[in-house]
Amino acid sequence: MIFKGRVARAVTWFVGIAIACAGLSGCGGGDSAGASNDCSGGKNVYTNLTFVNASLALYVGKSITPQTPSTPGIPVSCMGSTNYSLASGQMPPGLTLNSKTGAITGTPTQTGIYSYQVRLTLDGFTGSVSNGVSVDVADTGLFSVAAWKTANSNLPMTDDFRLDALGSQLVSLTAGFYSHTMDTYVSSDAGKTWGIQSIAGPLPFTKGFSTTSDGTSLYYSAGATTAGAFPGGVWKFDGTTWTQRTATGFPARKHHALVKLNGILYAIGGISSAGTYLGDVWQSTDDGATWTYLSTPFAGRADVCAVAFQGQLVVAGGAGANTAYVDVWASADGISWQRQQVAPANSPFFAGVVGPQCGVANGRLYATQDFSVVSSADLKTWNFEPFMMTSNRVPGMAVLNGALYFANGTGTSMRTLVTSAP
């Protein structure tokens, strides 16, 4: 896989462990049985190793603000005895790690995603404390989206919801936190204002559901109820009324994908009522009324990025029971699938993405990726679009008049609609 740009994010996910005293020659003298956390006469030193700025935007050719780790708990008398090293992985070319201060400095020279671990040791002490870091580097000259802007900073949807486009409108089906009904919100002005429709939504109330739109109709596939039941069922919205297409269809599940390609609906993956992660594919050629099993092409996964792109079904990312998948699959018929990438360490769908969503605009496939968006015109070369600080939970991506729209967050807190529109 070739990568041609990406915004930067550095994240720490390891907390401190004890650095146990093995001798006092490197940190002064004293009674080894004395008070703890005292380098001059103590037995142990406890510390965390964290980088204060957890989110960064790094660009090729632009020097970074020095990133110095925080190590609370190390006595001043021991500061001259610290040793920092790269325990594993690779730093972005152009950046260096100071072996005595732990500061990361320099000017990135190459785009990509880089993961590495910084390790701290103290002279005269055994043990170490490590910090895992993931850094992405972008090239602004390769962006296909000039910038993101806020279309609405106070969306009315709460809790579990999806975002789709239907005709000239944006539509959001929402599992209402307070109403406990499936509520339908519509915006006719590109997301600036929203109104809840006074119509009956799909039944029953479920979370972890799936939707897809073909531009003229919106489809809903049920997830799980708050009581843990899996009712199944597929519904269709024509812009005015919700109609149930089937009460059963394919085996019930949650956190699955629903996609329409060439007039055919496909249901992909998810989690079964037994808690099993599914990798199967089902199709309906009669608008969701009846369903046929096609294949099980990949390992079971939920919350995949799934979309119709260039005459094919595309499935990327997703999470298994103990795995975050970084591969990309494509199929013209849902039966024969081809893996597009062999999960490299710097895949655009690296571990940690929660529910990536996809959209197709202007001949490119766009997918939400943590705190930004990745795009591709051929599923082989990926561009990384401008950095965007928002929640990494993006319930849906919609494309309206060639512009991307997506909303962040779950729960009842205020959420934001972001767009690539000028």
Protein backbone atom coordinates (compact mmCIF):
# COMPACT_ATOMS: atom_id res chain seq x y z
CA MET A 1 0.00 0.00 0.00
CA ILE A 2 1.21 3.49 -0.84
CA PHE A 3 0.39 6.45 1.40
CA LYS A 4 0.42 10.00 0.17
CA GLY A 5 -0.33 12.26 3.10
CA ARG A 6 -1.98 12.20 6.50
CA VAL A 7 -2.52 14.43 9.48
CA ALA A 8 -0.70 13.68 12.68
CA ARG A 9 -1.83 12.22 15.92
CA ALA A 10 0.36 11.07 18.81
CA VAL A 11 -1.34 9.02 21.49
CA THR A 12 -0.04 7.57 24.72
CA TRP A 13 -1.57 4.36 26.00
CA PHE A 14 0.87 2.99 28.58
CA VAL A 15 0.99 4.26 32.16
CA GLY A 16 3.87 4.09 34.57
CA ILE A 17 5.29 1.04 36.27
CA ALA A 18 7.75 0.96 39.12
CA ILE A 19 11.43 1.47 38.45
CA ALA A 20 12.90 -0.62 41.26
CA CYS A 21 16.22 0.30 42.91
CA ALA A 22 18.98 -2.19 42.29
CA GLY A 23 21.85 -0.03 43.59
CA LEU A 24 22.59 3.54 44.61
CA SER A 25 25.76 4.22 42.65
CA GLY A 26 23.98 6.10 39.87
CA CYS A 27 21.65 8.17 42.06
CA GLY A 28 23.58 9.08 45.19
CA GLY A 29 23.96 7.26 48.49
CA GLY A 30 21.80 6.52 51.47
CA ASP A 31 19.94 3.83 53.29
CA SER A 32 18.32 1.50 50.79
CA ALA A 33 15.64 0.75 53.37
CA GLY A 34 14.63 4.42 53.63
CA ALA A 35 11.55 6.19 52.34
CA SER A 36 10.20 5.18 48.93
CA ASN A 37 10.15 7.46 45.88
CA ASP A 38 13.33 9.22 47.09
CA CYS A 39 16.26 8.71 44.80
CA SER A 40 18.91 9.84 47.29
CA GLY A 41 17.94 7.32 49.93
CA GLY A 42 14.94 5.44 48.66
CA LYS A 43 14.14 1.98 47.53
CA ASN A 44 11.82 2.61 44.57
CA VAL A 45 10.94 5.31 42.10
CA TYR A 46 7.46 5.32 40.57
CA THR A 47 6.68 7.35 37.46
CA ASN A 48 4.46 7.70 34.42
CA LEU A 49 5.87 8.48 31.00
CA THR A 50 3.45 10.57 28.93
CA PHE A 51 3.64 13.16 26.20
CA VAL A 52 1.46 16.09 27.20
CA ASN A 53 0.22 16.91 23.69
CA ALA A 54 -1.85 13.85 22.83
CA SER A 55 -2.97 15.16 19.43
CA LEU A 56 -0.58 16.72 16.91
CA ALA A 57 -0.72 17.93 13.32
CA LEU A 58 2.61 17.27 11.58
CA TYR A 59 3.39 18.20 8.02
CA VAL A 60 6.23 17.39 5.66
CA GLY A 61 8.80 20.20 5.66
CA LYS A 62 7.46 21.93 8.78
CA SER A 63 9.50 21.67 11.99
CA ILE A 64 7.55 20.45 15.01
CA THR A 65 7.17 22.02 18.42
CA PRO A 66 9.50 19.97 20.68
CA GLN A 67 7.56 17.25 22.47
CA THR A 68 8.98 16.64 25.95
CA PRO A 69 7.67 13.77 28.09
CA SER A 70 6.21 14.21 31.53
CA THR A 71 7.71 11.91 34.19
CA PRO A 72 6.18 12.81 37.57
CA GLY A 73 7.71 11.03 40.54
CA ILE A 74 11.36 11.14 39.49
CA PRO A 75 13.30 13.15 42.11
CA VAL A 76 15.35 16.11 40.88
CA SER A 77 18.51 14.34 42.02
CA CYS A 78 17.79 11.59 39.47
CA MET A 79 17.08 13.76 36.45
CA GLY A 80 20.69 13.49 35.26
CA SER A 81 20.39 9.69 35.31
CA THR A 82 17.51 9.29 32.87
CA ASN A 83 17.96 7.34 29.64
CA TYR A 84 15.44 7.41 26.78
CA SER A 85 15.52 5.01 23.89
CA LEU A 86 13.37 3.72 21.06
CA ALA A 87 12.15 0.36 22.31
CA SER A 88 10.42 -0.68 19.08
CA GLY A 89 8.88 0.64 15.89
CA GLN A 90 9.94 3.53 13.69
CA MET A 91 9.87 7.28 14.17
CA PRO A 92 8.94 9.51 11.21
CA PRO A 93 12.06 10.29 9.14
CA GLY A 94 13.38 13.69 10.15
CA LEU A 95 12.43 13.39 13.84
CA THR A 96 14.88 12.46 16.58
CA LEU A 97 14.63 11.37 20.22
CA ASN A 98 16.99 12.98 22.75
CA SER A 99 18.45 10.12 24.78
CA LYS A 100 18.78 12.22 27.96
CA THR A 101 15.68 14.44 27.96
CA GLY A 102 13.25 12.32 25.92
CA ALA A 103 12.38 15.35 23.77
CA ILE A 104 11.21 14.63 20.22
CA THR A 105 12.30 17.30 17.73
CA GLY A 106 12.93 17.79 14.03
CA THR A 107 11.20 18.29 10.68
CA PRO A 108 9.23 15.42 9.08
CA THR A 109 10.45 14.49 5.62
CA GLN A 110 8.11 11.64 4.65
CA THR A 111 4.35 11.10 4.84
CA GLY A 112 2.83 8.07 6.53
CA ILE A 113 1.70 6.56 9.82
CA TYR A 114 4.42 5.60 12.30
CA SER A 115 4.14 3.65 15.54
CA TYR A 116 6.90 3.29 18.09
CA GLN A 117 7.60 2.92 21.79
CA VAL A 118 9.71 5.24 23.91
CA ARG A 119 11.37 3.60 26.92
CA LEU A 120 12.75 5.27 30.06
CA THR A 121 15.34 3.76 32.40
CA LEU A 122 17.32 5.19 35.34
CA ASP A 123 21.00 4.52 36.02
CA GLY A 124 21.31 2.25 39.02
CA PHE A 125 17.72 1.02 38.84
CA THR A 126 16.21 -2.05 37.21
CA GLY A 127 12.98 -2.03 35.28
CA SER A 128 11.62 0.53 32.84
CA VAL A 129 8.53 2.44 31.85
CA SER A 130 7.34 2.66 28.25
CA ASN A 131 5.09 4.85 26.18
CA GLY A 132 3.42 3.80 22.92
CA VAL A 133 3.15 6.54 20.31
CA SER A 134 1.37 6.72 16.95
CA VAL A 135 2.28 9.65 14.68
CA ASP A 136 0.82 10.51 11.28
CA VAL A 137 2.49 12.88 8.84
CA ALA A 138 0.64 14.73 6.06
CA ASP A 139 1.60 16.54 2.89
CA THR A 140 -0.74 19.48 2.32
CA GLY A 141 -0.03 19.39 -1.41
CA LEU A 142 -1.77 16.02 -1.67
CA PHE A 143 -5.08 16.85 0.01
CA SER A 144 -8.17 16.29 -2.16
CA VAL A 145 -10.25 18.12 0.47
CA ALA A 146 -9.07 21.69 0.97
CA ALA A 147 -10.38 21.99 4.52
CA TRP A 148 -13.22 21.00 6.83
CA LYS A 149 -15.77 23.41 8.18
CA THR A 150 -18.56 23.19 10.74
CA ALA A 151 -22.03 23.03 9.20
CA ASN A 152 -23.85 22.77 12.54
CA SER A 153 -22.43 22.75 16.07
CA ASN A 154 -25.62 21.75 17.89
CA LEU A 155 -27.29 18.81 16.17
CA PRO A 156 -30.53 17.60 17.79
CA MET A 157 -29.86 13.86 17.44
CA THR A 158 -29.05 11.93 20.60
CA ASP A 159 -27.50 8.57 21.39
CA ASP A 160 -27.24 6.00 18.58
CA PHE A 161 -27.84 7.54 15.15
CA ARG A 162 -26.85 7.35 11.47
CA LEU A 163 -26.42 9.98 8.78
CA ASP A 164 -27.49 9.53 5.15
CA ALA A 165 -28.49 11.58 2.10
CA LEU A 166 -31.86 11.18 0.43
CA GLY A 167 -32.47 13.24 -2.69
CA SER A 168 -31.57 16.83 -1.83
CA GLN A 169 -31.88 16.28 1.92
CA LEU A 170 -29.75 14.95 4.74
CA VAL A 171 -31.56 12.35 6.85
CA SER A 172 -30.66 10.95 10.27
CA LEU A 173 -32.36 7.92 11.76
CA THR A 174 -31.89 8.10 15.53
CA ALA A 175 -32.46 5.73 18.43
CA GLY A 176 -33.86 8.50 20.62
CA PHE A 177 -32.31 8.52 24.07
CA TYR A 178 -35.37 10.13 25.65
CA SER A 179 -38.15 9.05 23.28
CA HIS A 180 -37.09 5.38 23.04
CA THR A 181 -38.42 5.43 19.50
CA MET A 182 -36.71 5.42 16.13
CA ASP A 183 -36.84 9.10 15.23
CA THR A 184 -36.38 10.50 11.72
CA TYR A 185 -34.63 13.88 11.41
CA VAL A 186 -34.42 15.74 8.08
CA SER A 187 -32.45 18.77 6.93
CA SER A 188 -33.27 20.53 3.66
CA ASP A 189 -30.52 23.17 3.94
CA ALA A 190 -27.32 21.07 4.00
CA GLY A 191 -27.41 20.42 7.73
CA LYS A 192 -27.88 23.99 8.97
CA THR A 193 -31.32 23.30 10.47
CA TRP A 194 -33.04 20.03 11.34
CA GLY A 195 -36.62 18.98 11.99
CA ILE A 196 -37.93 15.76 13.49
CA GLN A 197 -40.61 14.20 11.30
CA SER A 198 -43.98 13.45 12.87
CA ILE A 199 -44.08 9.97 11.37
CA ALA A 200 -43.83 6.48 12.78
CA GLY A 201 -40.33 5.08 12.50
CA PRO A 202 -39.20 1.46 12.26
CA LEU A 203 -40.16 -0.88 15.11
CA PRO A 204 -39.02 -1.91 17.61
CA PHE A 205 -36.53 0.53 19.15
CA THR A 206 -32.99 -0.84 18.63
CA LYS A 207 -29.39 0.26 18.93
CA GLY A 208 -26.42 -0.93 16.88
CA PHE A 209 -28.64 -0.83 13.80
CA SER A 210 -27.55 -0.20 10.20
CA THR A 211 -28.77 2.07 7.39
CA THR A 212 -27.94 2.72 3.74
CA SER A 213 -29.30 4.98 1.03
CA ASP A 214 -29.42 4.66 -2.75
CA GLY A 215 -30.28 8.34 -3.12
CA THR A 216 -34.03 7.80 -3.47
CA SER A 217 -34.78 5.42 -0.59
CA LEU A 218 -33.32 4.83 2.87
CA TYR A 219 -33.05 1.31 4.29
CA TYR A 220 -32.88 0.26 7.95
CA SER A 221 -31.78 -3.08 9.39
CA ALA A 222 -32.57 -3.61 13.09
CA GLY A 223 -29.91 -4.05 15.76
CA ALA A 224 -30.51 -5.03 19.40
CA THR A 225 -33.10 -3.78 21.89
CA THR A 226 -32.12 -2.28 25.25
CA ALA A 227 -33.26 -5.58 26.79
CA GLY A 228 -30.76 -7.48 24.64
CA ALA A 229 -33.22 -8.97 22.14
CA PHE A 230 -32.40 -9.22 18.45
CA PRO A 231 -35.67 -8.68 16.57
CA GLY A 232 -34.24 -8.53 13.03
CA GLY A 233 -36.20 -6.98 10.22
CA VAL A 234 -35.60 -4.56 7.36
CA TRP A 235 -37.53 -1.32 6.70
CA LYS A 236 -37.62 1.18 3.81
CA PHE A 237 -38.17 4.97 3.91
CA ASP A 238 -39.28 6.75 0.73
CA GLY A 239 -38.95 10.25 2.15
CA THR A 240 -42.46 10.21 3.57
CA THR A 241 -43.26 6.82 5.12
CA TRP A 242 -41.40 3.91 6.71
CA THR A 243 -42.55 0.48 5.42
CA GLN A 244 -41.41 -2.88 6.74
CA ARG A 245 -39.93 -5.06 4.00
CA THR A 246 -39.38 -8.18 6.13
CA ALA A 247 -39.69 -9.20 9.75
CA THR A 248 -36.88 -11.76 9.55
CA GLY A 249 -34.62 -11.82 6.49
CA PHE A 250 -31.03 -12.74 7.30
CA PRO A 251 -30.07 -13.90 10.85
CA ALA A 252 -30.48 -11.00 13.30
CA ARG A 253 -27.38 -9.11 14.39
CA LYS A 254 -26.07 -5.70 15.48
CA HIS A 255 -23.19 -3.41 14.40
CA HIS A 256 -23.40 -4.78 10.86
CA ALA A 257 -23.27 -3.06 7.48
CA LEU A 258 -26.01 -2.51 4.93
CA VAL A 259 -25.02 -1.57 1.34
CA LYS A 260 -26.91 -1.22 -1.97
CA LEU A 261 -25.11 -1.90 -5.25
CA ASN A 262 -26.72 -2.14 -8.71
CA GLY A 263 -30.21 -2.44 -7.22
CA ILE A 264 -29.21 -5.23 -4.80
CA LEU A 265 -29.09 -4.88 -1.01
CA TYR A 266 -26.27 -6.54 0.90
CA ALA A 267 -25.93 -7.20 4.64
CA ILE A 268 -22.39 -7.76 5.90
CA GLY A 269 -20.86 -8.92 9.19
CA GLY A 270 -21.81 -7.74 12.66
CA ILE A 271 -22.35 -9.44 16.01
CA SER A 272 -24.92 -12.22 16.50
CA SER A 273 -27.30 -12.63 19.43
CA ALA A 274 -24.83 -15.19 20.82
CA GLY A 275 -22.02 -12.62 20.77
CA THR A 276 -20.27 -14.17 17.75
CA TYR A 277 -18.50 -11.86 15.33
CA LEU A 278 -19.78 -12.58 11.84
CA GLY A 279 -18.01 -12.44 8.49
CA ASP A 280 -20.93 -13.49 6.28
CA VAL A 281 -22.60 -11.74 3.35
CA TRP A 282 -26.34 -11.84 2.47
CA GLN A 283 -28.18 -10.31 -0.47
CA SER A 284 -31.71 -9.24 -1.36
CA THR A 285 -32.75 -8.68 -4.98
CA ASP A 286 -36.31 -7.59 -4.09
CA ASP A 287 -35.63 -4.47 -2.04
CA GLY A 288 -35.17 -6.24 1.28
CA ALA A 289 -38.16 -8.62 1.27
CA THR A 290 -36.22 -11.90 0.95
CA TRP A 291 -32.57 -12.66 1.60
CA THR A 292 -30.06 -15.23 0.35
CA TYR A 293 -26.75 -16.26 1.93
CA LEU A 294 -23.78 -15.68 -0.42
CA SER A 295 -20.46 -16.28 1.33
CA THR A 296 -18.28 -15.88 4.41
CA PRO A 297 -15.19 -14.30 2.83
CA PHE A 298 -13.39 -12.85 5.85
CA ALA A 299 -12.95 -13.24 9.58
CA GLY A 300 -15.88 -12.09 11.70
CA ARG A 301 -15.99 -8.36 12.32
CA ALA A 302 -18.32 -5.54 13.36
CA ASP A 303 -18.53 -1.81 12.58
CA VAL A 304 -16.86 -2.13 9.21
CA CYS A 305 -16.49 0.60 6.65
CA ALA A 306 -18.71 -0.66 3.80
CA VAL A 307 -19.69 1.12 0.59
CA ALA A 308 -20.45 0.64 -3.09
CA PHE A 309 -17.48 1.96 -5.07
CA GLN A 310 -16.61 1.68 -8.77
CA GLY A 311 -19.08 -1.15 -9.35
CA GLN A 312 -17.88 -3.16 -6.36
CA LEU A 313 -18.71 -3.77 -2.73
CA VAL A 314 -15.85 -2.52 -0.56
CA VAL A 315 -15.35 -3.59 3.06
CA ALA A 316 -12.54 -2.16 5.16
CA GLY A 317 -11.48 -2.20 8.79
CA GLY A 318 -13.81 -3.31 11.56
CA ALA A 319 -13.24 -5.04 14.87
CA GLY A 320 -13.30 -8.67 15.95
CA ALA A 321 -13.45 -10.06 19.48
CA ASN A 322 -9.77 -9.28 20.05
CA THR A 323 -8.66 -7.84 16.72
CA ALA A 324 -8.84 -4.48 14.99
CA TYR A 325 -8.75 -5.28 11.28
CA VAL A 326 -6.75 -3.13 8.86
CA ASP A 327 -7.49 -4.93 5.60
CA VAL A 328 -9.57 -3.89 2.57
CA TRP A 329 -11.78 -6.27 0.55
CA ALA A 330 -13.69 -5.82 -2.72
CA SER A 331 -16.28 -7.86 -4.62
CA ALA A 332 -18.48 -7.33 -7.68
CA ASP A 333 -21.09 -9.88 -6.62
CA GLY A 334 -20.73 -10.52 -2.88
CA ILE A 335 -19.52 -14.07 -3.56
CA SER A 336 -15.97 -13.73 -4.89
CA TRP A 337 -13.88 -11.34 -2.81
CA GLN A 338 -10.38 -10.01 -3.31
CA ARG A 339 -8.20 -8.66 -0.56
CA GLN A 340 -6.76 -5.33 -1.66
CA GLN A 341 -4.08 -4.90 0.98
CA VAL A 342 -2.10 -7.17 3.25
CA ALA A 343 -2.66 -5.31 6.51
CA PRO A 344 0.53 -3.26 6.73
CA ALA A 345 1.43 -1.59 10.00
CA ASN A 346 0.59 1.79 8.50
CA SER A 347 -2.77 0.86 6.99
CA PRO A 348 -5.28 3.72 7.04
CA PHE A 349 -7.55 1.51 9.14
CA PHE A 350 -5.15 0.93 12.01
CA ALA A 351 -6.24 -0.28 15.45
CA GLY A 352 -8.37 2.03 17.52
CA VAL A 353 -10.87 3.26 14.96
CA VAL A 354 -14.40 3.10 16.30
CA GLY A 355 -17.03 2.46 13.65
CA PRO A 356 -15.42 3.92 10.51
CA GLN A 357 -17.90 5.16 7.92
CA CYS A 358 -17.57 5.65 4.17
CA GLY A 359 -18.78 7.87 1.39
CA VAL A 360 -18.05 8.23 -2.32
CA ALA A 361 -17.58 11.69 -3.82
CA ASN A 362 -15.94 12.93 -6.99
CA GLY A 363 -14.53 9.54 -7.93
CA ARG A 364 -12.90 8.89 -4.56
CA LEU A 365 -13.78 6.70 -1.61
CA TYR A 366 -13.58 8.59 1.69
CA ALA A 367 -13.54 6.92 5.09
CA THR A 368 -13.48 8.38 8.57
CA GLN A 369 -10.20 7.47 10.26
CA ASP A 370 -9.93 8.34 13.91
CA PHE A 371 -9.54 12.14 13.96
CA SER A 372 -9.54 12.66 10.21
CA VAL A 373 -10.46 11.11 6.87
CA VAL A 374 -8.58 8.96 4.35
CA SER A 375 -9.38 8.72 0.65
CA SER A 376 -8.52 6.59 -2.36
CA ALA A 377 -9.31 6.46 -6.06
CA ASP A 378 -8.08 2.89 -6.56
CA LEU A 379 -8.04 1.17 -3.12
CA LYS A 380 -4.26 0.97 -3.40
CA THR A 381 -2.97 4.51 -3.01
CA TRP A 382 -4.44 6.36 -0.04
CA ASN A 383 -4.41 10.09 0.62
CA PHE A 384 -4.78 11.39 4.14
CA GLU A 385 -7.00 14.43 4.30
CA PRO A 386 -6.77 17.51 6.56
CA PHE A 387 -6.56 17.08 10.30
CA MET A 388 -9.83 17.53 12.14
CA MET A 389 -10.24 17.52 15.91
CA THR A 390 -13.50 15.78 16.71
CA SER A 391 -14.78 12.66 18.39
CA ASN A 392 -13.48 9.48 16.81
CA ARG A 393 -17.00 8.06 16.94
CA VAL A 394 -18.51 8.99 13.58
CA PRO A 395 -21.90 7.27 13.16
CA GLY A 396 -22.37 8.07 9.50
CA MET A 397 -20.99 9.78 6.44
CA ALA A 398 -23.24 11.23 3.76
CA VAL A 399 -22.49 12.78 0.38
CA LEU A 400 -24.71 15.61 -0.84
CA ASN A 401 -24.02 17.53 -4.07
CA GLY A 402 -20.47 16.19 -4.13
CA ALA A 403 -19.68 17.35 -0.58
CA LEU A 404 -18.98 15.09 2.41
CA TYR A 405 -20.97 15.42 5.63
CA PHE A 406 -20.49 13.54 8.86
CA ALA A 407 -21.44 13.94 12.49
CA ASN A 408 -19.53 12.94 15.58
CA GLY A 409 -20.42 11.42 18.89
CA THR A 410 -22.92 9.30 20.79
CA GLY A 411 -24.92 9.83 23.96
CA THR A 412 -26.78 13.02 24.83
CA SER A 413 -23.94 15.55 24.65
CA MET A 414 -23.86 18.24 21.96
CA ARG A 415 -22.54 17.02 18.62
CA THR A 416 -21.20 18.66 15.49
CA LEU A 417 -21.83 18.24 11.76
CA VAL A 418 -18.69 18.69 9.66
CA THR A 419 -18.54 19.15 5.90
CA SER A 420 -16.10 19.54 3.01
CA ALA A 421 -18.48 21.92 1.23
CA PRO A 422 -17.04 25.33 0.34
